[in-house]
Protein backbone atom coordinates (compact mmCIF):
# COMPACT_ATOMS: atom_id res chain seq x y z
CA UNK A 1 86.82 133.69 169.15
CA UNK A 2 84.38 131.51 167.23
CA UNK A 3 82.99 134.56 165.44
CA UNK A 4 86.48 135.68 164.41
CA UNK A 5 87.23 132.31 162.82
CA UNK A 6 83.82 132.20 161.21
CA UNK A 7 84.33 135.60 159.58
CA UNK A 8 87.88 134.65 158.59
CA UNK A 9 86.64 131.42 157.04
CA UNK A 10 83.82 133.19 155.17
CA UNK A 11 86.34 135.72 153.84
CA UNK A 12 88.98 133.20 152.80
CA UNK A 13 86.72 130.36 151.62
CA UNK A 14 85.96 131.91 148.17
CA UNK A 15 89.67 132.65 147.70
CA UNK A 16 90.59 129.07 148.56
CA UNK A 17 87.79 127.72 146.35
CA UNK A 18 88.73 129.81 143.29
CA UNK A 19 92.41 129.11 143.84
CA UNK A 20 91.71 125.39 144.15
CA UNK A 21 89.58 125.40 140.99
CA UNK A 22 92.31 127.21 139.05
CA UNK A 23 94.90 124.73 140.36
CA UNK A 24 92.76 121.76 139.25
CA UNK A 25 92.31 123.24 135.76
CA UNK A 26 96.02 124.02 135.46
CA UNK A 27 96.97 120.55 136.67
CA UNK A 28 94.62 119.03 134.10
CA UNK A 29 96.14 121.19 131.35
CA UNK A 30 99.69 120.25 132.38
CA UNK A 31 98.81 116.54 132.59
CA UNK A 32 97.37 116.69 129.05
CA UNK A 33 100.60 118.34 127.87
CA UNK A 34 102.68 115.69 129.63
CA UNK A 35 100.70 112.85 128.06
CA UNK A 36 101.04 114.50 124.61
CA UNK A 37 104.83 114.72 125.02
CA UNK A 38 105.02 111.12 126.29
CA UNK A 39 103.09 110.04 123.20
CA UNK A 40 105.44 112.11 121.03
CA UNK A 41 108.50 110.40 122.56
CA UNK A 42 106.83 107.02 122.00
CA UNK A 43 106.25 107.90 118.33
CA UNK A 44 109.81 109.25 117.97
CA UNK A 45 111.15 105.92 119.25
CA UNK A 46 108.96 103.88 116.91
CA UNK A 47 109.27 106.11 113.82
CA UNK A 48 112.80 107.53 114.03
CA UNK A 49 114.69 104.82 115.90
CA UNK A 50 113.21 101.70 114.31
CA UNK A 51 116.08 101.66 111.78
CA UNK A 52 119.41 100.32 113.04
CA UNK A 53 122.15 102.89 113.66
CA UNK A 54 124.43 101.18 111.16
CA UNK A 55 121.88 101.84 108.41
CA UNK A 56 121.63 105.59 109.15
CA UNK A 57 124.09 108.37 108.37
CA UNK A 58 125.67 110.32 111.24
CA UNK A 59 123.73 113.40 110.12
CA UNK A 60 120.44 111.48 110.23
CA UNK A 61 121.29 110.08 113.68
CA UNK A 62 122.01 113.59 114.99
CA UNK A 63 118.73 114.97 113.58
CA UNK A 64 116.71 112.10 115.06
CA UNK A 65 118.41 112.42 118.44
CA UNK A 66 117.79 116.18 118.44
CA UNK A 67 114.05 115.49 118.09
CA UNK A 68 114.10 113.08 121.03
CA UNK A 69 116.21 115.35 123.26
CA UNK A 70 113.93 118.34 122.59
CA UNK A 71 110.86 116.27 123.47
CA UNK A 72 112.57 114.89 126.60
CA UNK A 73 113.53 118.40 127.76
CA UNK A 74 109.92 119.55 127.24
CA UNK A 75 108.70 116.57 129.28
CA UNK A 76 111.04 117.41 132.18
CA UNK A 77 109.98 121.07 132.08
CA UNK A 78 106.24 120.23 132.14
CA UNK A 79 106.71 117.62 134.89
CA UNK A 80 108.57 120.23 136.98
CA UNK A 81 105.66 122.63 136.48
CA UNK A 82 103.25 119.92 137.65
CA UNK A 83 105.33 119.28 140.79
CA UNK A 84 105.46 123.03 141.54
CA UNK A 85 101.69 123.39 141.18
CA UNK A 86 101.17 120.40 143.46
CA UNK A 87 103.46 122.06 146.05
CA UNK A 88 101.25 125.15 145.97
CA UNK A 89 98.13 123.00 146.24
CA UNK A 90 99.62 121.17 149.23
CA UNK A 91 100.40 124.49 150.94
CA UNK A 92 96.87 125.76 150.21
CA UNK A 93 95.37 122.61 151.70
CA UNK A 94 97.56 122.94 154.80
CA UNK A 95 96.30 126.52 155.31
CA UNK A 96 92.69 125.38 154.87
CA UNK A 97 93.21 122.55 157.36
CA UNK A 98 94.68 124.89 160.02
CA UNK A 99 91.74 127.27 159.59
CA UNK A 100 89.13 124.51 159.72
CA UNK A 101 90.74 122.80 162.73
CA UNK A 102 90.64 126.08 164.69
CA UNK A 103 87.04 126.74 163.73
CA UNK A 104 86.05 123.15 164.49
CA UNK A 105 87.69 123.37 167.92
CA UNK A 106 85.70 126.52 168.79
CA UNK A 107 82.48 125.02 167.44
CA UNK A 108 82.93 121.92 169.60
CA UNK A 109 83.65 124.03 172.70
CA UNK A 110 80.52 126.13 172.09
CA UNK A 111 78.51 123.00 171.45
CA UNK A 112 79.75 121.42 174.70
CA UNK A 113 78.63 124.51 176.65
CA UNK A 114 75.22 124.39 174.95
CA UNK A 115 74.81 120.71 175.84
CA UNK A 116 75.81 121.39 179.45
CA UNK A 117 73.36 124.32 179.69
CA UNK A 118 70.65 122.26 178.02
CA UNK A 119 71.25 119.36 180.40
CA UNK A 120 70.74 121.59 183.44
CA UNK A 121 67.34 122.71 182.14
CA UNK A 122 66.34 119.65 180.19
CA UNK A 123 63.42 118.53 182.33
CA UNK A 124 59.93 119.18 181.06
CA UNK A 125 59.11 120.66 184.50
CA UNK A 126 61.88 123.28 184.20
CA UNK A 127 60.73 124.34 180.74
CA UNK A 128 57.08 124.58 181.88
CA UNK A 129 58.06 126.59 184.96
CA UNK A 130 60.15 128.88 182.75
CA UNK A 131 57.05 129.60 180.65
CA UNK A 132 54.61 129.86 183.61
CA UNK A 133 56.83 132.33 185.43
CA UNK A 134 56.31 134.83 182.62
CA UNK A 135 54.77 138.12 183.69
CA UNK A 136 52.61 138.37 180.56
CA UNK A 137 51.37 136.34 177.61
CA UNK A 138 53.74 138.26 175.30
CA UNK A 139 56.72 137.39 177.50
CA UNK A 140 55.63 133.73 177.57
CA UNK A 141 55.36 133.73 173.75
CA UNK A 142 58.83 135.28 173.42
CA UNK A 143 60.26 132.69 175.83
CA UNK A 144 58.67 129.90 173.82
CA UNK A 145 60.20 131.30 170.60
CA UNK A 146 63.56 131.60 172.35
CA UNK A 147 63.40 127.94 173.40
CA UNK A 148 62.62 126.89 169.81
CA UNK A 149 65.43 129.05 168.40
CA UNK A 150 67.86 127.68 170.99
CA UNK A 151 66.94 124.11 170.04
CA UNK A 152 67.33 124.92 166.31
CA UNK A 153 70.66 126.64 166.94
CA UNK A 154 71.89 123.61 168.84
CA UNK A 155 70.83 121.34 165.97
CA UNK A 156 72.54 123.61 163.40
CA UNK A 157 75.73 123.66 165.50
CA UNK A 158 75.74 119.87 165.49
CA UNK A 159 75.23 119.74 161.70
CA UNK A 160 77.92 122.39 161.18
CA UNK A 161 80.41 120.33 163.20
CA UNK A 162 79.52 117.24 161.17
CA UNK A 163 79.95 119.06 157.80
CA UNK A 164 83.21 120.73 158.76
CA UNK A 165 84.56 117.41 160.05
CA UNK A 166 83.77 115.86 156.64
CA UNK A 167 85.43 118.76 154.79
CA UNK A 168 88.48 118.41 157.04
CA UNK A 169 88.64 114.68 156.37
CA UNK A 170 88.43 115.28 152.59
CA UNK A 171 91.17 117.94 152.75
CA UNK A 172 93.45 115.60 154.71
CA UNK A 173 92.79 112.84 152.20
CA UNK A 174 93.45 115.24 149.28
CA UNK A 175 96.66 116.39 150.96
CA UNK A 176 97.86 112.81 151.26
CA UNK A 177 97.02 112.08 147.59
CA UNK A 178 98.76 115.27 146.40
CA UNK A 179 101.91 114.32 148.31
CA UNK A 180 101.89 110.89 146.63
CA UNK A 181 101.35 112.45 143.18
CA UNK A 182 104.19 114.89 143.76
CA UNK A 183 106.54 112.11 144.85
CA UNK A 184 105.59 110.06 141.75
CA UNK A 185 106.32 113.04 139.49
CA UNK A 186 109.69 113.61 141.20
CA UNK A 187 110.63 109.95 140.70
CA UNK A 188 109.54 110.05 137.04
CA UNK A 189 111.58 113.20 136.49
CA UNK A 190 114.67 111.50 137.93
CA UNK A 191 114.28 108.70 135.38
CA UNK A 192 113.74 111.19 132.53
CA UNK A 193 116.82 113.18 133.56
CA UNK A 194 118.91 109.98 133.53
CA UNK A 195 117.60 109.15 130.05
CA UNK A 196 118.32 112.71 128.92
CA UNK A 197 121.85 112.48 130.31
CA UNK A 198 122.47 109.29 128.29
CA UNK A 199 121.03 110.88 125.14
CA UNK A 200 123.14 114.00 125.56
CA UNK A 201 126.23 111.81 125.97
CA UNK A 202 125.36 109.97 122.77
CA UNK A 203 124.71 113.30 121.06
CA UNK A 204 128.14 114.62 122.11
CA UNK A 205 129.80 111.60 120.50
CA UNK A 206 127.88 112.15 117.27
CA UNK A 207 128.59 115.90 117.31
CA UNK A 208 132.31 115.15 117.68
CA UNK A 209 132.06 113.02 114.54
CA UNK A 210 130.19 115.85 112.80
CA UNK A 211 132.76 118.48 113.72
CA UNK A 212 135.62 116.19 112.79
CA UNK A 213 134.42 116.24 109.20
CA UNK A 214 132.27 119.39 109.30
CA UNK A 215 132.76 120.29 105.65
CA UNK A 216 131.44 116.91 104.51
CA UNK A 217 128.24 117.23 106.56
CA UNK A 218 127.80 120.87 105.58
CA UNK A 219 127.89 119.81 101.93
CA UNK A 220 125.30 117.08 102.65
CA UNK A 221 122.94 119.60 104.29
CA UNK A 222 123.43 122.11 101.48
CA UNK A 223 122.73 119.39 98.90
CA UNK A 224 119.48 118.42 100.66
CA UNK A 225 118.45 122.09 100.87
CA UNK A 226 119.21 122.60 97.17
CA UNK A 227 117.01 119.60 96.30
CA UNK A 228 114.22 120.93 98.54
CA UNK A 229 114.44 124.39 96.93
CA UNK A 230 114.21 122.81 93.48
CA UNK A 231 111.05 120.91 94.47
CA UNK A 232 109.59 124.10 96.01
CA UNK A 233 110.05 125.90 92.69
CA UNK A 234 108.24 123.08 90.87
CA UNK A 235 105.38 123.29 93.39
CA UNK A 236 105.15 127.08 93.07
CA UNK A 237 105.08 126.87 89.25
CA UNK A 238 102.38 124.20 89.39
CA UNK A 239 100.30 126.41 91.71
CA UNK A 240 100.66 129.46 89.45
CA UNK A 241 99.73 127.37 86.40
CA UNK A 242 96.77 125.82 88.25
CA UNK A 243 95.54 129.28 89.34
CA UNK A 244 95.79 130.55 85.75
CA UNK A 245 93.93 127.47 84.43
CA UNK A 246 91.21 127.82 87.11
CA UNK A 247 90.71 131.53 86.37
CA UNK A 248 90.49 130.82 82.61
CA UNK A 249 87.96 128.04 83.20
CA UNK A 250 85.77 130.37 85.32
CA UNK A 251 86.04 133.13 82.70
CA UNK A 252 85.03 130.72 79.91
CA UNK A 253 81.98 129.66 81.93
CA UNK A 254 80.90 133.28 82.20
CA UNK A 255 81.57 133.80 78.48
CA UNK A 256 84.22 136.46 79.05
CA UNK A 257 87.85 136.65 78.03
CA UNK A 258 90.40 136.27 80.81
CA UNK A 259 93.02 138.97 80.22
CA UNK A 260 94.15 138.97 83.84
CA UNK A 261 97.75 138.14 84.68
CA UNK A 262 96.84 137.95 88.38
CA UNK A 263 98.08 135.03 90.48
CA UNK A 264 95.05 135.29 92.72
CA UNK A 265 92.23 132.80 92.37
CA UNK A 266 89.02 134.26 90.95
CA UNK A 267 86.34 133.00 93.31
CA UNK A 268 82.74 132.04 92.66
CA UNK A 269 80.18 132.74 95.44
CA UNK A 270 80.49 129.06 96.45
CA UNK A 271 84.31 129.28 96.57
CA UNK A 272 84.12 132.44 98.70
CA UNK A 273 82.01 130.59 101.27
CA UNK A 274 84.48 127.69 101.28
CA UNK A 275 87.41 130.09 101.76
CA UNK A 276 85.56 131.79 104.63
CA UNK A 277 84.90 128.41 106.29
CA UNK A 278 88.55 127.45 105.87
CA UNK A 279 89.62 130.73 107.52
CA UNK A 280 87.18 130.21 110.41
CA UNK A 281 88.84 126.87 111.13
CA UNK A 282 92.33 128.34 111.45
CA UNK A 283 94.11 126.50 114.27
CA UNK A 284 91.44 123.77 114.31
CA UNK A 285 92.18 121.82 111.11
CA UNK A 286 93.01 118.11 111.58
CA UNK A 287 96.47 116.68 110.91
CA UNK A 288 97.07 115.55 107.30
CA UNK A 289 97.95 112.10 108.72
CA UNK A 290 96.54 110.28 111.74
CA UNK A 291 99.85 109.74 113.58
CA UNK A 292 103.27 111.24 113.17
CA UNK A 293 106.15 113.34 114.48
CA UNK A 294 107.03 116.77 113.09
CA UNK A 295 110.71 116.62 112.10
CA UNK A 296 110.91 119.93 110.22
CA UNK A 297 108.93 123.10 110.80
CA UNK A 298 108.05 126.04 108.59
CA UNK A 299 110.65 128.75 108.04
CA UNK A 300 114.36 129.14 108.72
CA UNK A 301 116.06 126.90 111.28
CA UNK A 302 119.63 127.17 112.51
CA UNK A 303 121.31 123.77 112.79
CA UNK A 304 121.90 123.12 116.53
CA UNK A 305 125.28 121.44 116.00
CA UNK A 306 126.48 123.39 112.95
CA UNK A 307 125.54 127.00 113.85
CA UNK A 308 126.81 128.41 110.56
CA UNK A 309 124.20 126.37 108.67
CA UNK A 310 120.59 127.58 108.33
CA UNK A 311 117.97 125.50 106.54
CA UNK A 312 114.55 126.52 105.22
CA UNK A 313 111.33 124.51 105.07
CA UNK A 314 108.36 125.75 103.00
CA UNK A 315 105.87 123.69 105.03
CA UNK A 316 106.16 120.97 107.65
CA UNK A 317 107.68 117.52 107.35
CA UNK A 318 106.00 114.78 109.37
CA UNK A 319 107.50 111.33 109.84
CA UNK A 320 104.86 108.63 110.04
CA UNK A 321 104.54 104.84 109.91
CA UNK A 322 104.99 102.85 106.70
CA UNK A 323 101.97 102.95 104.36
CA UNK A 324 100.29 105.69 106.44
CA UNK A 325 97.34 107.33 104.71
CA UNK A 326 97.43 111.04 103.93
CA UNK A 327 94.08 112.78 104.33
CA UNK A 328 92.48 116.06 103.32
CA UNK A 329 92.50 118.63 106.14
CA UNK A 330 89.31 120.31 104.88
CA UNK A 331 86.52 120.09 102.31
CA UNK A 332 87.67 121.05 98.85
CA UNK A 333 88.35 120.04 95.26
CA UNK A 334 91.41 118.24 93.89
CA UNK A 335 93.08 120.95 91.83
CA UNK A 336 96.09 119.03 90.53
CA UNK A 337 98.03 115.79 90.92
CA UNK A 338 101.63 115.85 89.77
CA UNK A 339 104.63 113.55 89.83
CA UNK A 340 107.42 115.53 91.49
CA UNK A 341 110.97 114.42 90.81
CA UNK A 342 112.50 113.30 94.11
CA UNK A 343 109.21 113.57 96.00
CA UNK A 344 106.83 110.99 94.44
CA UNK A 345 103.34 112.48 93.84
CA UNK A 346 101.99 115.78 95.10
CA UNK A 347 98.24 116.30 95.51
CA UNK A 348 96.89 119.87 95.42
CA UNK A 349 93.49 120.52 97.02
CA UNK A 350 91.71 123.86 96.58
CA UNK A 351 89.64 125.37 99.41
CA UNK A 352 88.43 128.64 97.90
CA UNK A 353 91.54 130.79 97.57
CA UNK A 354 93.53 128.43 99.81
CA UNK A 355 95.49 125.44 98.51
CA UNK A 356 96.84 122.55 100.59
CA UNK A 357 99.65 120.43 99.16
CA UNK A 358 100.38 116.82 100.19
CA UNK A 359 103.84 115.88 98.96
CA UNK A 360 105.55 112.46 98.74
CA UNK A 361 102.52 110.25 98.08
CA UNK A 362 102.06 106.92 96.32
CA UNK A 363 98.88 105.00 95.48
CA UNK A 364 96.87 108.20 95.11
CA UNK A 365 93.14 107.38 95.31
CA UNK A 366 91.69 110.69 94.08
CA UNK A 367 91.80 112.38 90.70
CA UNK A 368 91.75 115.93 89.43
CA UNK A 369 88.30 117.51 89.83
CA UNK A 370 87.20 115.20 92.68
CA UNK A 371 85.34 116.77 95.58
CA UNK A 372 86.86 115.70 98.89
CA UNK A 373 85.73 116.05 102.50
CA UNK A 374 87.64 116.60 105.73
CA UNK A 375 89.79 113.58 106.72
CA UNK A 376 89.13 111.77 103.42
CA UNK A 377 92.08 109.55 102.44
CA UNK A 378 93.89 110.74 99.32
CA UNK A 379 96.90 108.41 99.11
CA UNK A 380 99.72 106.66 101.00
CA UNK A 381 102.94 108.26 102.23
CA UNK A 382 105.97 106.96 100.32
CA UNK A 383 108.87 105.34 102.21
CA UNK A 384 112.40 106.39 101.30
CA UNK A 385 114.53 103.31 100.61
CA UNK A 386 117.81 104.90 101.78
CA UNK A 387 116.52 105.94 105.22
CA UNK A 388 113.52 103.67 105.71
CA UNK A 389 111.47 106.72 106.72
CA UNK A 390 107.98 107.68 105.55
CA UNK A 391 107.82 111.49 105.48
CA UNK A 392 104.86 113.59 104.37
CA UNK A 393 105.58 117.19 103.46
CA UNK A 394 102.51 119.36 103.96
CA UNK A 395 102.13 122.92 102.69
CA UNK A 396 99.42 125.60 102.80
CA UNK A 397 99.12 128.45 100.30
CA UNK A 398 96.79 131.42 100.10
CA UNK A 399 96.79 131.99 96.36
CA UNK A 400 100.57 131.75 95.72
CA UNK A 401 101.69 132.86 99.20
CA UNK A 402 103.05 130.26 101.62
CA UNK A 403 101.37 129.99 105.04
CA UNK A 404 102.77 128.50 108.25
CA UNK A 405 100.90 125.16 108.71
CA UNK A 406 101.45 125.29 112.49
CA UNK A 407 99.09 128.28 112.63
CA UNK A 408 96.35 126.30 110.88
CA UNK A 409 96.62 122.69 112.05
CA UNK A 410 95.44 121.80 115.56
CA UNK A 411 98.39 121.33 117.96
CA UNK A 412 100.87 120.81 115.14
């Protein structure tokens, strides 16, 4: 029976080990996600809900609450995943414990028999007589070797029992800790679900107000979109003009006439290297501000409460704290600084044939032609008087083509 359990343990041990390792890694990954979402909710509360309700429009309240509800739902989902993984880990540990207990029982029984047998022949006289009764020197040698092997085997059995007892103790301790962790997660999820329920109730009240005067809010959204589109056109024209000016400057340096009408940046060998480095860092670029909450993402978005309304964002909008510093996401050269009507200053930084745009800045501390490095401060994010919010709009272009910043910035 002992051999059966030994073989079974040897067969299943690697499976349990690899499974346990995968579970630990997954748990770590989920815990990191959970902490990120908790931090996001904390920032949403401090950045979006610092202003009193009375000072915010219904539309603004709905948008802010949507951000919090989405984050809260993500938190509940991730916490559920953590609890499920812990359940699997608990079941795995239970299976390991059953297997080890059975093997330990057999080991102890075998060890008891060995001790009993050893006790019966423990006297020095018995061992000497066992050797002297040998019919030949070879047989005596073999008996001596057998006695040594038997003693070693007994010692190894004792050590094996000790080790397996320790493993069993650790597994039982781990099982107890996992059960506590799971219970903590379940309790936390109950609290989060209660908070979500209250937020959804508040949202329903606001949505009722929205639907009651839907045309008014639709017009407000359309007006904001029209203003955003107008600013986008200014940005795009500035980029095209800056590309043309850059290409002409490079042509003049080479002593040739620039007859090209291309809206692609003509790159020097140095610029090509910079563009290649920028591309290599796709998905790893730092945030354009140290702390913030993404309130609008790239592309078309259907309004969750007004399904007939779709808005478009040419980059990402990040709400941050008052006087937050915007910073370059990569090494480059300041290509242009322009005052944009309705959006304070916009700083354009060239990275080879890529251009990053930092919109809605005040107190700009760089000038056109400056070389900048990754995370270098370039200005402060302006605060809108009407809403009390400080929002940075960040865009990425390859030549004159818009890119999705979420694909480039780390965990955006």
